[in-house]
Protein backbone atom coordinates (compact mmCIF):
# COMPACT_ATOMS: atom_id res chain seq x y z
CA MET A 1 -37.34 40.15 19.32
CA ALA A 2 -39.14 38.68 16.35
CA ASN A 3 -35.60 38.21 14.85
CA TYR A 4 -34.28 35.88 17.65
CA LYS A 5 -36.94 33.67 17.01
CA LEU A 6 -36.54 33.48 13.32
CA ARG A 7 -32.76 32.95 14.17
CA ARG A 8 -33.15 30.67 16.61
CA TYR A 9 -36.09 28.17 14.98
CA ASP A 10 -33.51 28.52 11.69
CA LYS A 11 -31.32 25.96 12.26
CA VAL A 12 -33.94 23.34 13.21
CA LEU A 13 -35.94 24.38 10.16
CA ALA A 14 -32.82 23.87 8.41
CA TRP A 15 -32.00 20.57 9.69
CA PHE A 16 -35.82 19.53 8.91
CA PHE A 17 -35.14 20.63 4.84
CA GLY A 18 -31.65 18.69 4.81
CA LEU A 19 -33.32 15.41 5.75
CA MET A 20 -36.36 15.68 3.77
CA ILE A 21 -33.86 16.41 0.29
CA LEU A 22 -31.97 13.56 1.88
CA LEU A 23 -34.98 11.05 2.02
CA PHE A 24 -36.62 12.81 -1.38
CA LEU A 25 -32.91 11.38 -3.17
CA ILE A 26 -32.84 8.43 -1.47
CA LEU A 27 -36.64 7.93 -2.81
CA ALA A 28 -35.75 8.84 -5.97
CA PHE A 29 -33.11 6.63 -6.76
CA THR A 30 -33.91 3.56 -4.50
CA SER A 31 -37.70 3.58 -5.44
CA GLU A 32 -38.12 3.02 -9.33
CA ALA A 33 -41.54 3.82 -9.08
CA PHE A 34 -41.59 6.80 -7.71
CA PHE A 35 -39.06 7.57 -10.13
CA ASN A 36 -40.93 6.58 -12.80
CA TRP A 37 -43.98 8.52 -11.23
CA ALA A 38 -41.88 11.47 -11.29
CA TYR A 39 -40.51 11.49 -14.08
CA ASP A 40 -43.73 11.54 -16.57
CA ARG A 41 -45.11 14.27 -14.50
CA HIS A 42 -41.81 16.17 -14.77
CA GLN A 43 -42.26 15.97 -18.73
CA ASN A 44 -45.36 18.74 -18.36
CA GLN A 45 -42.68 21.73 -19.18
CA LEU A 46 -44.45 23.87 -16.55
CA SER A 47 -41.82 22.60 -14.13
CA TRP A 48 -39.23 23.41 -16.28
CA TYR A 49 -40.00 27.39 -16.89
CA ILE A 50 -40.42 27.76 -13.32
CA ARG A 51 -37.00 25.85 -11.92
CA PRO A 52 -34.97 29.18 -12.82
CA LEU A 53 -36.95 31.41 -10.74
CA PHE A 54 -36.04 29.85 -7.68
CA LEU A 55 -32.65 31.35 -7.53
CA ILE A 56 -34.14 34.72 -6.73
CA PRO A 57 -34.93 32.87 -2.90
CA TYR A 58 -31.71 31.25 -2.85
CA CYS A 59 -30.06 34.04 -3.65
CA TYR A 60 -32.63 36.16 -1.04
CA PHE A 61 -31.70 33.52 1.71
CA ALA A 62 -27.69 33.39 1.63
CA TYR A 63 -27.77 37.37 1.23
CA LYS A 64 -30.08 37.09 4.57
CA ARG A 65 -27.48 34.25 6.32
CA SER A 66 -30.76 31.77 6.54
CA TRP A 67 -29.90 27.96 6.44
CA ALA A 68 -33.40 27.33 6.61
CA GLY A 69 -34.33 29.40 3.18
CA ILE A 70 -31.54 28.00 1.18
CA LEU A 71 -32.48 24.57 2.16
CA GLY A 72 -36.00 25.25 1.87
CA THR A 73 -35.78 26.27 -1.44
CA MET A 74 -33.72 23.56 -2.46
CA PHE A 75 -36.07 21.30 -1.48
CA VAL A 76 -38.68 23.04 -3.07
CA LEU A 77 -36.94 22.84 -6.34
CA LEU A 78 -35.99 19.50 -6.06
CA THR A 79 -39.92 18.63 -5.62
CA SER A 80 -41.20 21.21 -8.15
CA MET A 81 -40.55 18.11 -11.22
CA PHE A 82 -43.53 16.73 -10.03
CA TRP A 83 -45.85 19.47 -8.71
CA PHE A 84 -47.82 19.55 -12.65
CA PRO A 85 -49.88 16.64 -13.49
CA LYS A 86 -48.64 14.52 -16.44
CA PRO A 87 -49.02 15.94 -20.17
CA GLU A 88 -51.30 14.94 -22.22
CA VAL A 89 -49.20 15.33 -25.27
CA VAL A 90 -45.47 15.18 -25.17
CA SER A 91 -43.77 16.39 -27.36
CA GLU A 92 -41.15 14.78 -29.16
CA GLN A 93 -38.04 17.16 -28.49
CA VAL A 94 -39.16 16.83 -24.62
CA LYS A 95 -39.23 13.05 -24.74
CA LEU A 96 -35.76 12.79 -26.64
CA PHE A 97 -34.26 14.90 -23.50
CA LEU A 98 -35.74 13.41 -21.02
CA GLU A 99 -35.30 9.70 -22.08
CA MET A 100 -31.45 10.71 -22.41
CA GLU A 101 -31.78 12.56 -18.93
CA LYS A 102 -33.41 9.17 -17.56
CA GLU A 103 -30.58 7.24 -18.58
CA TYR A 104 -27.75 9.54 -17.71
CA LEU A 105 -29.44 9.48 -14.24
CA THR A 106 -29.84 5.49 -14.19
CA GLY A 107 -26.98 4.96 -15.90
CA HIS A 108 -23.53 3.31 -14.73
CA TRP A 109 -21.60 6.57 -12.45
CA GLY A 110 -17.95 6.47 -13.00
CA ILE A 111 -15.86 8.88 -11.23
CA GLY A 112 -16.45 11.61 -14.40
CA LYS A 113 -19.90 11.45 -14.44
CA ILE A 114 -19.71 12.00 -10.48
CA LEU A 115 -17.50 14.92 -10.99
CA LEU A 116 -19.22 16.62 -14.37
CA SER A 117 -22.45 16.37 -12.28
CA SER A 118 -20.89 17.96 -8.85
CA LEU A 119 -20.30 21.05 -11.09
CA VAL A 120 -24.20 21.76 -10.48
CA PRO A 121 -24.25 21.76 -6.44
CA PHE A 122 -20.73 23.43 -6.24
CA SER A 123 -22.07 26.05 -8.09
CA LEU A 124 -25.02 26.46 -6.17
CA ALA A 125 -22.59 26.57 -3.11
CA ALA A 126 -20.59 29.15 -4.43
CA LEU A 127 -23.47 31.57 -5.68
CA ALA A 128 -24.81 31.16 -2.11
CA MET A 129 -21.67 31.69 -0.56
CA ALA A 130 -21.23 35.11 -2.69
CA PHE A 131 -24.38 36.48 -1.55
CA TRP A 132 -24.10 35.29 2.14
CA LYS A 133 -20.73 37.20 2.00
CA ARG A 134 -23.23 39.88 0.81
CA SER A 135 -20.83 39.94 -3.10
CA ILE A 136 -23.54 40.83 -5.44
CA TRP A 137 -20.81 40.71 -8.18
CA ILE A 138 -19.50 37.82 -7.37
CA GLY A 139 -23.09 36.48 -6.97
CA VAL A 140 -23.88 38.15 -10.05
CA ALA A 141 -20.29 36.50 -12.00
CA VAL A 142 -21.37 33.09 -10.86
CA LEU A 143 -24.84 33.02 -12.19
CA ILE A 144 -23.46 34.37 -15.63
CA LYS A 145 -21.07 30.97 -15.69
CA GLU A 146 -24.14 29.21 -14.71
CA VAL A 147 -26.15 30.13 -17.62
CA ILE A 148 -22.82 29.74 -19.81
CA LEU A 149 -22.53 26.46 -18.84
């Protein structure tokens, strides 16, 4: 009975998290004030260190075939960039890397950049599909490919 209730709410929660992801992306790319606020906090390297850990629940929820779990994990992954306070001291290497990242995100989006950037969501979709199909080996292969690229 409990599993049925979870399944019943899974689609509702999935739609909620999908909408939250969409709203977050719209806000991040249309509000310069929000983008700069998040960017300042993203300089805290703790947000960089925890992000790979989200692959664990992402793969788990794909294996359990939970759309809400997958999209919820994606939402927390996207928002984790600003969970931590702005650091008092930022190394020069971090500044240079994030400045390059900021220029990439705010610069012109041609077909080449769109295709290159689409590798990330396509890789995550391939990873989810592998675990959804219960293929641990294909999932591990996709993870290795993601690490190499």
